[in-house]
Amino acid sequence: MTTALINAVIVTMENDKVIENGFIKIKDGIISEMGEMSEYKNDAEKEINIDKKTIYPGFIDAHSHLGMWEDSLGFEGDDGNECSDPCSPQLRAIDAVNPLERSFKDAYEAGVTCVVTGPGSANPIGGQMCALKTYGRRIDDMIVKEPLAIKFAFGENPKSTYNEKDTAPTTRMATAAIIREELMKAKKYLEDKKLSEEDDDVDAPEFDFKCESLIPLLERKIKAHMHAHRTDDIFTAIRIAKEFGIKAVIVHGTAAHTVADILKNEDISIITGPFLGSRTKPELQQLSAKNAGALSAVGIKTAICTDHPCDPIHLLGVCAGYAVREGMDYNSALKAVTINAAEICGISDRVGSLKVGKDADLAVYSCDPLSLYAKPHMVFVSGKRVL
């Protein structure tokens, strides 16, 4: 069935294009046609008059732990950190996420239609991130990309976790060494595996689940999402990424605004946030909602995240609005929760903007979607009207 949304202002997030009076046709969960109302042909089975309201792409939270720490539960719903091994790239977020956890509903009712979720930051190598739609009942039907990235963590969190266990890492040096050692093993494993495939006289290496899990990263098919708050940790993450030729994204980058002039010369993107909360630990001393704007202003591709449950996921638009209040260009803030978030996470072929061929993830507003009082009139996820 084809559904047509007509008489709408359409903010496409494609080259800053806005259609002042347009239509979108949805078929099989995909945007099948869109354009000016003057081009519209009434051949859809279902027609919805948007009545001059504005259609935006569904928001994307580029870093969260949605479904990994369940709302209102303690240990029973805590599946975000496997603290028995500091190096665990083989762990997959999709094996922990509960898509029926009520925060998913909070997300899509607030116009957040896609999220990146995964392990926390207790381990230097925490596991595999994934991108999911926020509406569904079975995780396998909600996947946008999996694995999307390998989660790495630097600084305070691994130190604190393993200091309590009286085992490594208890220093930043050990955290970096554990990461390097595993990447070196995986690199050698991959070299030996390729050599065995090319030469019948060479035996393949003994199967190693951790090394296998890191091969897509070493082959640059997925990225490293590197948790780092302080500037020294940010630069350590960049240093290691360069050593192994992997594509990296800095997650949080709390103090990045203090070295934006240096970071602008690095081939790096930054997912900023959360910044609605308090400075609850030493690494957050330089927490500022000005961070996203400062990075974007010097040309660093920037996304904004909630780090749910640190900031509630339904406040993603508010986070972007707060960044505008603190100096970020409005269009840059909107990009930070739509197309920039999608491009940074490698899912812009499906989500992040409104374009023929992309998933029909969209939200309809009659007000500024980044304002505190904003609430969408309609939300579509994969073409299904869920609000």
Protein backbone atom coordinates (compact mmCIF):
# COMPACT_ATOMS: atom_id res chain seq x y z
CA MET A 1 0.00 0.00 0.00
CA THR A 2 1.15 3.53 -0.80
CA THR A 3 0.56 6.31 1.71
CA ALA A 4 0.85 9.95 0.68
CA LEU A 5 1.54 12.80 3.08
CA ILE A 6 0.42 16.01 1.37
CA ASN A 7 0.45 19.78 1.89
CA ALA A 8 3.54 19.74 4.09
CA VAL A 9 6.61 21.83 4.64
CA ILE A 10 9.41 19.29 4.22
CA VAL A 11 12.80 19.83 5.84
CA THR A 12 14.78 17.23 3.92
CA MET A 13 18.25 17.67 5.52
CA GLU A 14 19.60 17.01 2.03
CA ASN A 15 21.85 19.94 1.09
CA ASP A 16 19.71 22.21 3.29
CA LYS A 17 16.77 21.79 0.91
CA VAL A 18 13.33 22.76 2.20
CA ILE A 19 10.16 22.09 0.21
CA GLU A 20 7.67 24.76 1.23
CA ASN A 21 4.57 22.92 0.02
CA GLY A 22 5.22 19.33 -0.80
CA PHE A 23 4.32 15.66 -0.53
CA ILE A 24 5.96 12.39 0.46
CA LYS A 25 4.81 8.98 -0.72
CA ILE A 26 5.64 5.90 1.34
CA LYS A 27 5.60 2.36 0.02
CA ASP A 28 6.90 -0.78 1.74
CA GLY A 29 8.52 1.30 4.45
CA ILE A 30 10.53 3.38 1.97
CA ILE A 31 10.12 6.91 0.62
CA SER A 32 9.02 6.11 -2.91
CA GLU A 33 8.38 9.65 -4.17
CA MET A 34 8.51 13.24 -2.94
CA GLY A 35 8.39 16.73 -4.35
CA GLU A 36 6.33 19.89 -4.75
CA MET A 37 2.55 19.67 -4.54
CA SER A 38 2.41 21.01 -8.08
CA GLU A 39 3.96 17.66 -9.13
CA TYR A 40 1.67 15.51 -6.99
CA LYS A 41 -0.39 12.71 -8.58
CA ASN A 42 -3.19 11.35 -6.45
CA ASP A 43 -2.58 7.62 -6.96
CA ALA A 44 -1.97 6.56 -3.33
CA GLU A 45 -4.30 4.18 -1.51
CA LYS A 46 -4.12 6.35 1.61
CA GLU A 47 -3.73 10.12 1.82
CA ILE A 48 -2.94 12.18 4.93
CA ASN A 49 -3.27 15.95 4.81
CA ILE A 50 -0.42 17.41 6.89
CA ASP A 51 -2.09 20.83 6.65
CA LYS A 52 1.05 22.99 6.41
CA LYS A 53 2.79 21.37 9.37
CA THR A 54 6.47 20.50 8.98
CA ILE A 55 7.94 17.09 8.30
CA TYR A 56 11.45 16.37 9.59
CA PRO A 57 13.58 13.23 9.37
CA GLY A 58 13.23 11.11 12.48
CA PHE A 59 15.89 12.01 15.02
CA ILE A 60 18.91 9.75 15.53
CA ASP A 61 20.62 9.29 18.89
CA ALA A 62 24.19 8.51 17.84
CA HIS A 63 25.21 7.08 21.22
CA SER A 64 23.03 5.51 23.88
CA HIS A 65 22.59 2.40 25.96
CA LEU A 66 18.90 2.05 25.19
CA GLY A 67 17.61 -1.35 26.24
CA MET A 68 20.93 -2.24 27.90
CA TRP A 69 20.00 -0.76 31.28
CA GLU A 70 16.29 -1.32 31.76
CA ASP A 71 14.09 1.35 33.26
CA SER A 72 13.22 0.92 36.97
CA LEU A 73 15.33 -2.23 37.39
CA GLY A 74 18.62 -2.86 39.17
CA PHE A 75 21.00 -5.75 38.47
CA GLU A 76 18.21 -7.77 36.82
CA GLY A 77 18.01 -5.28 33.96
CA ASP A 78 21.67 -4.24 33.90
CA ASP A 79 23.27 -5.82 30.83
CA GLY A 80 25.56 -3.04 29.68
CA ASN A 81 28.92 -3.94 31.21
CA GLU A 82 30.50 -7.41 31.36
CA CYS A 83 33.04 -6.64 34.06
CA SER A 84 34.63 -10.08 34.18
CA ASP A 85 37.05 -9.42 31.30
CA PRO A 86 38.51 -6.02 30.33
CA CYS A 87 38.80 -7.09 26.70
CA SER A 88 35.52 -8.29 25.19
CA PRO A 89 35.11 -7.31 21.51
CA GLN A 90 33.11 -10.47 20.87
CA LEU A 91 30.11 -9.28 22.91
CA ARG A 92 27.15 -8.17 20.80
CA ALA A 93 24.70 -5.52 21.94
CA ILE A 94 21.83 -7.22 20.14
CA ASP A 95 22.11 -10.12 22.59
CA ALA A 96 21.38 -7.77 25.51
CA VAL A 97 18.89 -5.20 24.24
CA ASN A 98 15.29 -5.63 25.34
CA PRO A 99 13.20 -3.86 22.67
CA LEU A 100 10.08 -4.06 24.84
CA GLU A 101 11.65 -1.84 27.52
CA ARG A 102 9.43 1.22 27.81
CA SER A 103 12.14 3.76 26.93
CA PHE A 104 11.80 2.65 23.30
CA LYS A 105 8.25 4.02 23.35
CA ASP A 106 9.51 7.20 25.02
CA ALA A 107 11.95 7.53 22.14
CA TYR A 108 9.64 7.19 19.16
CA GLU A 109 6.90 9.26 20.77
CA ALA A 110 9.49 12.05 20.95
CA GLY A 111 10.41 11.67 17.28
CA VAL A 112 13.58 9.63 17.91
CA THR A 113 13.27 6.86 15.35
CA CYS A 114 16.77 5.38 15.28
CA VAL A 115 19.40 4.85 17.96
CA VAL A 116 22.91 3.54 18.29
CA THR A 117 23.13 1.44 21.42
CA GLY A 118 25.66 -0.87 22.99
CA PRO A 119 27.96 -1.71 25.87
CA GLY A 120 29.02 0.74 28.55
CA SER A 121 32.53 1.95 29.28
CA ALA A 122 33.75 -0.35 32.05
CA ASN A 123 36.03 -2.28 29.69
CA PRO A 124 38.86 -0.94 27.50
CA ILE A 125 37.22 -2.99 24.72
CA GLY A 126 33.56 -3.39 25.53
CA GLY A 127 31.91 -5.05 22.55
CA GLN A 128 29.87 -4.38 19.43
CA MET A 129 27.51 -1.42 19.00
CA CYS A 130 24.42 -1.61 16.79
CA ALA A 131 21.94 0.77 15.18
CA LEU A 132 18.26 0.03 15.72
CA LYS A 133 14.85 1.44 14.92
CA THR A 134 13.00 2.40 18.07
CA TYR A 135 9.73 0.70 17.15
CA GLY A 136 9.34 -3.08 17.10
CA ARG A 137 9.00 -6.20 19.20
CA ARG A 138 11.87 -8.36 17.94
CA ILE A 139 15.39 -6.99 17.80
CA ASP A 140 16.19 -8.86 14.58
CA ASP A 141 13.47 -6.90 12.76
CA MET A 142 14.68 -3.54 14.06
CA ILE A 143 18.35 -3.66 13.04
CA VAL A 144 19.69 -0.91 10.79
CA LYS A 145 23.34 -1.95 11.05
CA GLU A 146 25.04 -4.61 13.18
CA PRO A 147 27.83 -4.59 14.05
CA LEU A 148 28.05 -0.84 13.65
CA ALA A 149 31.19 -0.22 15.70
CA ILE A 150 33.48 -1.64 18.36
CA LYS A 151 33.24 0.16 21.69
CA PHE A 152 36.51 1.27 23.31
CA ALA A 153 36.86 3.18 26.57
CA PHE A 154 39.64 5.32 27.96
CA GLY A 155 40.17 7.17 31.21
CA GLU A 156 38.31 6.99 34.46
CA ASN A 157 35.73 4.25 33.93
CA PRO A 158 38.00 1.24 33.17
CA LYS A 159 40.38 2.39 35.93
CA SER A 160 37.58 2.58 38.48
CA THR A 161 36.02 -0.73 37.47
CA TYR A 162 39.18 -2.81 37.68
CA ASN A 163 40.80 -1.00 40.60
CA GLU A 164 37.95 -2.39 42.69
CA LYS A 165 38.88 -5.87 41.46
CA ASP A 166 42.60 -5.32 42.11
CA THR A 167 43.47 -6.26 38.54
CA ALA A 168 44.52 -4.48 35.36
CA PRO A 169 43.82 -1.89 34.15
CA THR A 170 44.23 0.47 37.07
CA THR A 171 46.09 3.12 35.05
CA ARG A 172 45.62 4.84 31.73
CA MET A 173 48.82 3.14 30.58
CA ALA A 174 47.36 -0.30 31.17
CA THR A 175 44.10 0.61 29.45
CA ALA A 176 45.98 1.66 26.31
CA ALA A 177 48.26 -1.39 26.51
CA ILE A 178 45.32 -3.81 26.72
CA ILE A 179 43.76 -2.19 23.65
CA ARG A 180 47.03 -2.23 21.72
CA GLU A 181 47.76 -5.84 22.62
CA GLU A 182 44.38 -7.07 21.39
CA LEU A 183 44.59 -5.03 18.19
CA MET A 184 48.10 -6.39 17.55
CA LYS A 185 46.88 -9.94 18.08
CA ALA A 186 43.95 -9.36 15.74
CA LYS A 187 46.21 -7.79 13.10
CA LYS A 188 48.59 -10.78 13.19
CA TYR A 189 45.63 -13.18 13.20
CA LEU A 190 44.19 -11.49 10.10
CA GLU A 191 47.56 -11.57 8.33
CA ASP A 192 47.97 -15.29 9.08
CA LYS A 193 44.41 -16.01 8.00
CA LYS A 194 44.89 -14.27 4.67
CA LEU A 195 48.22 -16.02 4.10
CA SER A 196 46.58 -19.42 4.69
CA GLU A 197 43.87 -18.55 2.17
CA GLU A 198 46.48 -17.64 -0.43
CA ASP A 199 48.84 -20.58 0.22
CA ASP A 200 47.56 -24.13 0.68
CA ASP A 201 50.78 -25.08 2.47
CA VAL A 202 50.14 -22.58 5.27
CA ASP A 203 47.83 -23.60 8.10
CA ALA A 204 45.09 -21.23 9.18
CA PRO A 205 45.48 -19.82 12.69
CA GLU A 206 43.51 -21.43 15.50
CA PHE A 207 40.09 -19.80 15.73
CA ASP A 208 40.03 -16.80 18.05
CA PHE A 209 36.61 -15.26 18.68
CA LYS A 210 38.02 -11.94 19.90
CA CYS A 211 40.30 -11.55 16.89
CA GLU A 212 37.51 -12.52 14.50
CA SER A 213 35.32 -9.81 16.02
CA LEU A 214 37.97 -7.15 15.37
CA ILE A 215 38.55 -8.05 11.69
CA PRO A 216 35.77 -5.75 10.35
CA LEU A 217 37.37 -2.90 12.31
CA LEU A 218 40.87 -3.59 10.95
CA GLU A 219 39.44 -3.86 7.44
CA ARG A 220 37.76 -0.45 7.97
CA LYS A 221 34.27 -1.87 7.38
CA ILE A 222 33.14 -0.55 10.75
CA LYS A 223 34.45 2.15 13.08
CA ALA A 224 35.85 2.34 16.58
CA HIS A 225 33.58 4.32 18.91
CA MET A 226 36.03 5.59 21.52
CA HIS A 227 34.70 6.77 24.89
CA ALA A 228 36.94 9.64 25.97
CA HIS A 229 36.18 12.71 28.09
CA ARG A 230 39.50 14.35 28.95
CA THR A 231 41.79 15.80 26.30
CA ASP A 232 44.66 13.41 27.11
CA ASP A 233 42.30 10.45 26.63
CA ILE A 234 41.00 11.91 23.37
CA PHE A 235 44.54 12.17 22.03
CA THR A 236 45.39 8.64 23.19
CA ALA A 237 42.36 7.35 21.31
CA ILE A 238 43.43 9.21 18.17
CA ARG A 239 47.02 7.97 18.57
CA ILE A 240 45.93 4.33 18.72
CA ALA A 241 43.56 4.75 15.79
CA LYS A 242 46.44 6.08 13.69
CA GLU A 243 48.77 3.27 14.76
CA PHE A 244 46.36 0.64 13.47
CA GLY A 245 44.82 2.55 10.57
CA ILE A 246 41.29 2.22 11.91
CA LYS A 247 38.43 4.67 11.49
CA ALA A 248 37.57 6.26 14.81
CA VAL A 249 34.83 8.37 16.32
CA ILE A 250 35.28 10.13 19.65
CA VAL A 251 32.26 9.60 21.88
CA HIS A 252 31.51 12.28 24.51
CA GLY A 253 34.64 14.37 23.95
CA THR A 254 33.63 16.43 26.99
CA ALA A 255 36.77 18.59 26.99
CA ALA A 256 37.16 18.64 23.21
CA HIS A 257 36.07 22.27 22.97
CA THR A 258 39.26 23.27 24.79
CA VAL A 259 41.39 21.80 21.98
CA ALA A 260 39.06 22.34 19.03
CA ASP A 261 41.81 24.19 17.17
CA ILE A 262 43.97 21.04 17.29
CA LEU A 263 41.19 18.52 16.63
CA LYS A 264 40.03 20.33 13.50
CA ASN A 265 43.20 19.09 11.78
CA GLU A 266 42.46 15.46 12.65
CA ASP A 267 40.28 13.21 10.52
CA ILE A 268 37.86 12.67 13.36
CA SER A 269 34.17 13.06 14.14
CA ILE A 270 32.80 13.63 17.63
CA ILE A 271 29.54 12.54 19.23
CA THR A 272 28.98 15.02 22.04
CA GLY A 273 26.88 14.60 25.15
CA PRO A 274 25.31 14.05 27.53
CA PHE A 275 25.24 17.60 28.84
CA LEU A 276 21.92 18.10 30.59
CA GLY A 277 23.17 16.58 33.84
CA SER A 278 25.63 17.56 36.54
CA ARG A 279 29.40 17.22 36.70
CA THR A 280 29.17 14.01 38.71
CA LYS A 281 32.75 12.78 38.32
CA PRO A 282 36.25 14.20 37.76
CA GLU A 283 36.23 13.68 33.99
CA LEU A 284 33.18 15.91 33.67
CA GLN A 285 34.83 18.98 35.17
CA GLN A 286 34.83 20.70 31.75
CA LEU A 287 31.30 19.66 30.82
CA SER A 288 29.66 22.42 28.80
CA ALA A 289 26.71 22.65 26.44
CA LYS A 290 28.94 24.95 24.37
CA ASN A 291 31.00 21.92 23.36
CA ALA A 292 28.96 20.87 20.30
CA GLY A 293 28.81 24.40 18.92
CA ALA A 294 32.52 25.01 19.41
CA LEU A 295 33.42 21.82 17.55
CA SER A 296 30.94 22.38 14.75
CA ALA A 297 32.13 25.98 14.31
CA VAL A 298 35.66 24.84 13.38
CA GLY A 299 34.40 22.27 10.88
CA ILE A 300 34.42 19.08 12.96
CA LYS A 301 31.50 16.84 12.05
CA THR A 302 29.49 16.71 15.24
CA ALA A 303 26.53 14.74 16.54
CA ILE A 304 24.62 15.14 19.80
CA CYS A 305 23.63 12.18 21.96
CA THR A 306 21.78 11.55 25.22
CA ASP A 307 23.93 8.62 26.37
CA HIS A 308 20.59 7.28 27.62
CA PRO A 309 19.90 6.64 30.45
CA CYS A 310 22.33 9.42 31.49
CA ASP A 311 19.99 11.90 29.79
CA PRO A 312 16.54 10.48 29.00
CA ILE A 313 16.32 9.61 25.32
CA HIS A 314 13.08 11.51 24.79
CA LEU A 315 15.03 14.73 25.51
CA LEU A 316 17.35 14.38 22.50
CA GLY A 317 15.69 17.32 20.74
CA VAL A 318 15.94 19.37 23.93
CA CYS A 319 19.68 18.58 24.09
CA ALA A 320 20.09 19.95 20.57
CA GLY A 321 18.02 23.01 21.49
CA TYR A 322 20.18 23.58 24.56
CA ALA A 323 23.27 23.49 22.35
CA VAL A 324 21.66 26.22 20.21
CA ARG A 325 21.00 28.28 23.33
CA GLU A 326 24.70 27.96 24.17
CA GLY A 327 25.90 29.14 20.77
CA MET A 328 25.52 26.34 18.23
CA ASP A 329 24.16 27.27 14.82
CA TYR A 330 20.54 26.07 14.61
CA ASN A 331 20.95 24.14 11.37
CA SER A 332 24.11 22.50 12.69
CA ALA A 333 22.22 21.37 15.79
CA LEU A 334 19.45 19.90 13.65
CA LYS A 335 22.08 18.10 11.57
CA ALA A 336 23.66 16.80 14.79
CA VAL A 337 20.54 14.71 15.47
CA THR A 338 19.76 13.81 11.86
CA ILE A 339 22.11 13.64 8.87
CA ASN A 340 25.40 14.23 10.72
CA ALA A 341 24.52 11.54 13.24
CA ALA A 342 23.72 9.17 10.37
CA GLU A 343 26.91 9.94 8.46
CA ILE A 344 29.14 9.61 11.52
CA CYS A 345 27.58 6.22 12.30
CA GLY A 346 27.69 4.96 8.71
CA ILE A 347 23.92 4.58 8.28
CA SER A 348 23.14 7.60 6.07
CA ASP A 349 22.22 5.29 3.19
CA ARG A 350 19.03 4.51 5.12
CA VAL A 351 18.28 7.26 7.63
CA GLY A 352 19.11 10.83 8.59
CA SER A 353 17.40 12.72 5.78
CA LEU A 354 14.28 12.60 3.63
CA LYS A 355 15.11 11.28 0.19
CA VAL A 356 13.62 8.84 -2.28
CA GLY A 357 14.93 5.37 -1.50
CA LYS A 358 15.59 6.00 2.18
CA ASP A 359 13.61 4.55 5.08
CA ALA A 360 10.39 6.41 5.80
CA ASP A 361 11.40 7.55 9.28
CA LEU A 362 9.87 10.95 9.89
CA ALA A 363 8.12 13.18 12.39
CA VAL A 364 5.51 15.91 11.89
CA TYR A 365 5.67 19.07 14.01
CA SER A 366 3.74 22.33 14.21
CA CYS A 367 6.50 24.01 16.25
CA ASP A 368 10.28 24.08 16.62
CA PRO A 369 11.28 20.42 17.18
CA LEU A 370 14.27 21.48 19.30
CA SER A 371 12.18 23.38 21.83
CA LEU A 372 11.34 22.14 25.32
CA TYR A 373 7.60 22.07 24.57
CA ALA A 374 7.88 20.32 21.19
CA LYS A 375 5.88 17.16 20.69
CA PRO A 376 5.30 15.57 17.30
CA HIS A 377 1.80 15.21 15.88
CA MET A 378 2.77 12.10 13.95
CA VAL A 379 5.76 9.77 13.83
CA PHE A 380 6.51 7.14 11.19
CA VAL A 381 9.11 4.40 11.67
CA SER A 382 9.96 2.35 8.58
CA GLY A 383 6.77 3.72 7.02
CA LYS A 384 4.52 2.60 9.87
CA ARG A 385 2.62 5.32 11.68
CA VAL A 386 3.42 4.73 15.34
CA LEU A 387 2.05 7.99 16.81
